[in-house]
Amino acid sequence: MKKLILLACLFVAPVHAALFEDTEARKKLQEMQLKETELEARIVSLEAVIKSGSLTDMLNQIELVKQDVSKLRGDIETLRHLNATVEQRQKDLYQDLDGRLRKIEEKSA
């Protein structure tokens, strides 16, 4: 009888461990299936965005804005150069006018 009880205990322990491992494996399997479902949903939503063309439209708009910014930078550089030229021309004219006025003042004095 003792041998039977001992044999029963020996068989019950591995069966209990196997049941525990089976439960853990099922939990892991369910987690993996849930993650797979979530990933599939994300893929579907990303494909929808790509198919809708909104991403392509946005990239085209970004390119247009980059071109506009580049053109505006060129315009700013041109205007800075023009402004410097006008300032120099104005300075030269004032110096010329001042020189002429001094000559007139010297003659009349």
N, C-alpha and C. Protein backbone atom coordinates (compact mmCIF):
# COMPACT_ATOMS: atom_id res chain seq x y z
N MET A 1 0.81 -1.18 0.00
CA MET A 1 0.00 0.00 0.00
C MET A 1 0.86 1.26 0.00
N LYS A 2 1.90 1.20 0.82
CA LYS A 2 2.80 2.35 0.88
C LYS A 2 3.45 2.58 -0.48
N LYS A 3 3.73 1.49 -1.15
CA LYS A 3 4.34 1.62 -2.47
C LYS A 3 3.37 2.27 -3.45
N LEU A 4 2.11 1.91 -3.34
CA LEU A 4 1.10 2.51 -4.23
C LEU A 4 0.95 4.01 -3.97
N ILE A 5 0.93 4.37 -2.71
CA ILE A 5 0.81 5.80 -2.36
C ILE A 5 2.05 6.55 -2.84
N LEU A 6 3.19 5.94 -2.64
CA LEU A 6 4.43 6.57 -3.08
C LEU A 6 4.44 6.73 -4.60
N LEU A 7 4.02 5.70 -5.32
CA LEU A 7 3.93 5.78 -6.78
C LEU A 7 2.92 6.83 -7.22
N ALA A 8 1.80 6.91 -6.53
CA ALA A 8 0.78 7.91 -6.87
C ALA A 8 1.32 9.31 -6.66
N CYS A 9 2.06 9.51 -5.58
CA CYS A 9 2.65 10.84 -5.32
C CYS A 9 3.67 11.20 -6.38
N LEU A 10 4.43 10.23 -6.82
CA LEU A 10 5.43 10.50 -7.84
C LEU A 10 4.79 10.89 -9.16
N PHE A 11 3.67 10.30 -9.49
CA PHE A 11 2.99 10.62 -10.75
C PHE A 11 2.19 11.91 -10.67
N VAL A 12 1.67 12.22 -9.49
CA VAL A 12 0.84 13.43 -9.32
C VAL A 12 1.70 14.68 -9.45
N ALA A 13 2.89 14.70 -8.92
CA ALA A 13 3.75 15.89 -8.96
C ALA A 13 4.08 16.31 -10.38
N PRO A 14 4.52 15.43 -11.28
CA PRO A 14 4.80 15.86 -12.65
C PRO A 14 3.54 16.29 -13.40
N VAL A 15 2.41 15.62 -13.11
CA VAL A 15 1.16 16.00 -13.78
C VAL A 15 0.76 17.40 -13.36
N HIS A 16 0.90 17.71 -12.08
CA HIS A 16 0.58 19.05 -11.60
C HIS A 16 1.50 20.08 -12.24
N ALA A 17 2.78 19.77 -12.33
CA ALA A 17 3.74 20.68 -12.97
C ALA A 17 3.41 20.85 -14.44
N ALA A 18 3.01 19.78 -15.09
CA ALA A 18 2.66 19.87 -16.51
C ALA A 18 1.43 20.73 -16.71
N LEU A 19 0.45 20.63 -15.82
CA LEU A 19 -0.75 21.47 -15.91
C LEU A 19 -0.39 22.94 -15.73
N PHE A 20 0.50 23.22 -14.78
CA PHE A 20 0.93 24.60 -14.54
C PHE A 20 1.65 25.15 -15.77
N GLU A 21 2.53 24.35 -16.35
CA GLU A 21 3.26 24.78 -17.53
C GLU A 21 2.31 24.99 -18.70
N ASP A 22 1.28 24.15 -18.81
CA ASP A 22 0.31 24.28 -19.87
C ASP A 22 -0.47 25.59 -19.73
N THR A 23 -0.83 25.96 -18.52
CA THR A 23 -1.54 27.21 -18.27
C THR A 23 -0.66 28.40 -18.65
N GLU A 24 0.58 28.35 -18.26
CA GLU A 24 1.51 29.43 -18.60
C GLU A 24 1.69 29.54 -20.11
N ALA A 25 1.80 28.38 -20.75
CA ALA A 25 1.96 28.39 -22.21
C ALA A 25 0.73 28.98 -22.88
N ARG A 26 -0.44 28.67 -22.37
CA ARG A 26 -1.67 29.23 -22.94
C ARG A 26 -1.73 30.75 -22.75
N LYS A 27 -1.31 31.20 -21.58
CA LYS A 27 -1.28 32.65 -21.34
C LYS A 27 -0.33 33.35 -22.32
N LYS A 28 0.83 32.77 -22.49
CA LYS A 28 1.81 33.34 -23.42
C LYS A 28 1.27 33.33 -24.84
N LEU A 29 0.59 32.24 -25.20
CA LEU A 29 0.02 32.13 -26.53
C LEU A 29 -1.06 33.19 -26.75
N GLN A 30 -1.89 33.41 -25.74
CA GLN A 30 -2.92 34.45 -25.84
C GLN A 30 -2.29 35.83 -25.96
N GLU A 31 -1.24 36.08 -25.20
CA GLU A 31 -0.55 37.37 -25.29
C GLU A 31 0.03 37.58 -26.69
N MET A 32 0.62 36.53 -27.22
CA MET A 32 1.20 36.63 -28.57
C MET A 32 0.11 36.87 -29.61
N GLN A 33 -1.03 36.19 -29.46
CA GLN A 33 -2.13 36.39 -30.41
C GLN A 33 -2.68 37.81 -30.31
N LEU A 34 -2.74 38.35 -29.10
CA LEU A 34 -3.21 39.72 -28.92
C LEU A 34 -2.24 40.71 -29.57
N LYS A 35 -0.96 40.49 -29.37
CA LYS A 35 0.04 41.36 -30.00
C LYS A 35 -0.03 41.27 -31.52
N GLU A 36 -0.24 40.05 -32.03
CA GLU A 36 -0.36 39.88 -33.48
C GLU A 36 -1.57 40.64 -34.02
N THR A 37 -2.68 40.58 -33.30
CA THR A 37 -3.88 41.30 -33.72
C THR A 37 -3.64 42.81 -33.71
N GLU A 38 -2.97 43.30 -32.68
CA GLU A 38 -2.66 44.73 -32.60
C GLU A 38 -1.75 45.16 -33.75
N LEU A 39 -0.76 44.35 -34.05
CA LEU A 39 0.16 44.68 -35.14
C LEU A 39 -0.56 44.67 -36.49
N GLU A 40 -1.45 43.71 -36.68
CA GLU A 40 -2.21 43.67 -37.93
C GLU A 40 -3.08 44.92 -38.07
N ALA A 41 -3.68 45.36 -36.97
CA ALA A 41 -4.50 46.57 -37.00
C ALA A 41 -3.65 47.79 -37.35
N ARG A 42 -2.46 47.87 -36.79
CA ARG A 42 -1.57 49.00 -37.11
C ARG A 42 -1.16 48.98 -38.57
N ILE A 43 -0.88 47.79 -39.09
CA ILE A 43 -0.50 47.68 -40.50
C ILE A 43 -1.64 48.14 -41.39
N VAL A 44 -2.86 47.73 -41.05
CA VAL A 44 -4.03 48.13 -41.85
C VAL A 44 -4.19 49.65 -41.82
N SER A 45 -4.03 50.26 -40.65
CA SER A 45 -4.19 51.72 -40.58
C SER A 45 -3.09 52.44 -41.35
N LEU A 46 -1.86 51.94 -41.28
CA LEU A 46 -0.77 52.56 -42.04
C LEU A 46 -0.99 52.41 -43.54
N GLU A 47 -1.47 51.25 -43.96
CA GLU A 47 -1.77 51.07 -45.38
C GLU A 47 -2.87 52.02 -45.83
N ALA A 48 -3.85 52.26 -44.97
CA ALA A 48 -4.93 53.18 -45.31
C ALA A 48 -4.40 54.60 -45.48
N VAL A 49 -3.48 55.00 -44.61
CA VAL A 49 -2.88 56.34 -44.72
C VAL A 49 -2.11 56.46 -46.03
N ILE A 50 -1.36 55.44 -46.35
CA ILE A 50 -0.57 55.48 -47.58
C ILE A 50 -1.47 55.49 -48.80
N LYS A 51 -2.52 54.68 -48.78
CA LYS A 51 -3.43 54.62 -49.92
C LYS A 51 -4.23 55.90 -50.08
N SER A 52 -4.53 56.57 -48.98
CA SER A 52 -5.33 57.79 -49.08
C SER A 52 -4.56 58.92 -49.75
N GLY A 53 -3.26 58.82 -49.77
CA GLY A 53 -2.46 59.83 -50.44
C GLY A 53 -2.18 61.05 -49.57
N SER A 54 -2.70 61.08 -48.37
CA SER A 54 -2.48 62.24 -47.52
C SER A 54 -1.00 62.40 -47.20
N LEU A 55 -0.32 61.30 -47.04
CA LEU A 55 1.12 61.37 -46.76
C LEU A 55 1.87 61.91 -47.97
N THR A 56 1.49 61.46 -49.15
CA THR A 56 2.12 61.95 -50.38
C THR A 56 1.83 63.44 -50.57
N ASP A 57 0.58 63.83 -50.32
CA ASP A 57 0.23 65.25 -50.43
C ASP A 57 1.05 66.10 -49.46
N MET A 58 1.21 65.59 -48.26
CA MET A 58 1.98 66.34 -47.26
C MET A 58 3.43 66.49 -47.70
N LEU A 59 4.01 65.43 -48.25
CA LEU A 59 5.39 65.51 -48.72
C LEU A 59 5.52 66.51 -49.87
N ASN A 60 4.53 66.53 -50.77
CA ASN A 60 4.54 67.50 -51.86
C ASN A 60 4.45 68.93 -51.33
N GLN A 61 3.60 69.13 -50.34
CA GLN A 61 3.48 70.46 -49.74
C GLN A 61 4.78 70.88 -49.07
N ILE A 62 5.44 69.95 -48.42
CA ILE A 62 6.72 70.26 -47.78
C ILE A 62 7.75 70.67 -48.83
N GLU A 63 7.77 69.97 -49.95
CA GLU A 63 8.70 70.32 -51.03
C GLU A 63 8.41 71.72 -51.57
N LEU A 64 7.12 72.05 -51.73
CA LEU A 64 6.76 73.38 -52.21
C LEU A 64 7.19 74.45 -51.21
N VAL A 65 7.00 74.18 -49.94
CA VAL A 65 7.41 75.15 -48.91
C VAL A 65 8.93 75.32 -48.93
N LYS A 66 9.67 74.22 -49.11
CA LYS A 66 11.13 74.32 -49.19
C LYS A 66 11.55 75.18 -50.38
N GLN A 67 10.87 75.01 -51.51
CA GLN A 67 11.19 75.81 -52.69
C GLN A 67 10.89 77.28 -52.44
N ASP A 68 9.75 77.55 -51.79
CA ASP A 68 9.39 78.94 -51.48
C ASP A 68 10.41 79.57 -50.54
N VAL A 69 10.82 78.83 -49.53
CA VAL A 69 11.81 79.34 -48.58
C VAL A 69 13.13 79.63 -49.29
N SER A 70 13.53 78.75 -50.18
CA SER A 70 14.77 78.95 -50.93
C SER A 70 14.67 80.21 -51.79
N LYS A 71 13.53 80.40 -52.45
CA LYS A 71 13.34 81.59 -53.28
C LYS A 71 13.36 82.85 -52.42
N LEU A 72 12.69 82.79 -51.28
CA LEU A 72 12.66 83.96 -50.39
C LEU A 72 14.05 84.28 -49.85
N ARG A 73 14.84 83.28 -49.56
CA ARG A 73 16.21 83.53 -49.11
C ARG A 73 17.02 84.22 -50.20
N GLY A 74 16.82 83.79 -51.44
CA GLY A 74 17.50 84.45 -52.55
C GLY A 74 17.04 85.89 -52.70
N ASP A 75 15.73 86.13 -52.56
CA ASP A 75 15.20 87.49 -52.63
C ASP A 75 15.76 88.36 -51.52
N ILE A 76 15.86 87.81 -50.32
CA ILE A 76 16.42 88.56 -49.19
C ILE A 76 17.86 88.94 -49.47
N GLU A 77 18.64 88.01 -49.99
CA GLU A 77 20.04 88.29 -50.31
C GLU A 77 20.14 89.40 -51.36
N THR A 78 19.28 89.34 -52.37
CA THR A 78 19.28 90.37 -53.41
C THR A 78 18.92 91.73 -52.82
N LEU A 79 17.90 91.76 -51.96
CA LEU A 79 17.49 93.03 -51.34
C LEU A 79 18.56 93.57 -50.40
N ARG A 80 19.25 92.71 -49.70
CA ARG A 80 20.35 93.18 -48.84
C ARG A 80 21.44 93.84 -49.67
N HIS A 81 21.77 93.21 -50.78
CA HIS A 81 22.80 93.78 -51.66
C HIS A 81 22.32 95.12 -52.22
N LEU A 82 21.08 95.17 -52.67
CA LEU A 82 20.52 96.41 -53.21
C LEU A 82 20.50 97.50 -52.14
N ASN A 83 20.13 97.15 -50.93
CA ASN A 83 20.09 98.12 -49.84
C ASN A 83 21.48 98.66 -49.55
N ALA A 84 22.48 97.79 -49.52
CA ALA A 84 23.85 98.24 -49.28
C ALA A 84 24.31 99.17 -50.39
N THR A 85 23.95 98.85 -51.63
CA THR A 85 24.32 99.70 -52.77
C THR A 85 23.65 101.07 -52.67
N VAL A 86 22.37 101.08 -52.31
CA VAL A 86 21.64 102.35 -52.18
C VAL A 86 22.22 103.19 -51.04
N GLU A 87 22.54 102.55 -49.92
CA GLU A 87 23.13 103.28 -48.80
C GLU A 87 24.47 103.90 -49.20
N GLN A 88 25.30 103.14 -49.90
CA GLN A 88 26.59 103.66 -50.35
C GLN A 88 26.39 104.82 -51.31
N ARG A 89 25.45 104.68 -52.23
CA ARG A 89 25.17 105.74 -53.22
C ARG A 89 24.68 107.00 -52.50
N GLN A 90 23.80 106.82 -51.52
CA GLN A 90 23.29 107.97 -50.77
C GLN A 90 24.42 108.65 -50.00
N LYS A 91 25.30 107.88 -49.39
CA LYS A 91 26.43 108.45 -48.67
C LYS A 91 27.33 109.24 -49.61
N ASP A 92 27.60 108.67 -50.80
CA ASP A 92 28.43 109.36 -51.79
C ASP A 92 27.79 110.67 -52.23
N LEU A 93 26.47 110.66 -52.45
CA LEU A 93 25.77 111.89 -52.87
C LEU A 93 25.82 112.96 -51.79
N TYR A 94 25.63 112.57 -50.53
CA TYR A 94 25.70 113.54 -49.44
C TYR A 94 27.10 114.12 -49.32
N GLN A 95 28.12 113.28 -49.49
CA GLN A 95 29.48 113.79 -49.43
C GLN A 95 29.76 114.75 -50.58
N ASP A 96 29.27 114.43 -51.76
CA ASP A 96 29.44 115.31 -52.92
C ASP A 96 28.72 116.63 -52.69
N LEU A 97 27.49 116.57 -52.18
CA LEU A 97 26.72 117.79 -51.90
C LEU A 97 27.42 118.62 -50.83
N ASP A 98 27.91 117.96 -49.80
CA ASP A 98 28.61 118.68 -48.73
C ASP A 98 29.87 119.35 -49.28
N GLY A 99 30.61 118.66 -50.14
CA GLY A 99 31.81 119.25 -50.75
C GLY A 99 31.45 120.46 -51.60
N ARG A 100 30.41 120.40 -52.38
CA ARG A 100 29.99 121.53 -53.21
C ARG A 100 29.55 122.72 -52.36
N LEU A 101 28.80 122.43 -51.30
CA LEU A 101 28.37 123.53 -50.43
C LEU A 101 29.56 124.21 -49.76
N ARG A 102 30.57 123.47 -49.37
CA ARG A 102 31.76 124.05 -48.76
C ARG A 102 32.48 124.96 -49.76
N LYS A 103 32.56 124.52 -51.02
CA LYS A 103 33.20 125.36 -52.03
C LYS A 103 32.44 126.67 -52.21
N ILE A 104 31.11 126.58 -52.21
CA ILE A 104 30.30 127.80 -52.37
C ILE A 104 30.49 128.70 -51.16
N GLU A 105 30.52 128.12 -49.96
CA GLU A 105 30.71 128.91 -48.75
C GLU A 105 32.08 129.57 -48.73
N GLU A 106 33.11 128.87 -49.22
CA GLU A 106 34.46 129.43 -49.23
C GLU A 106 34.55 130.60 -50.21
N LYS A 107 33.88 130.52 -51.33
CA LYS A 107 33.91 131.60 -52.31
C LYS A 107 33.18 132.83 -51.80
N SER A 108 32.08 132.61 -51.09
CA SER A 108 31.32 133.75 -50.62
C SER A 108 31.91 134.35 -49.35
N ALA A 109 32.78 133.68 -48.67
CA ALA A 109 33.36 134.21 -47.45
C ALA A 109 34.56 135.05 -47.66
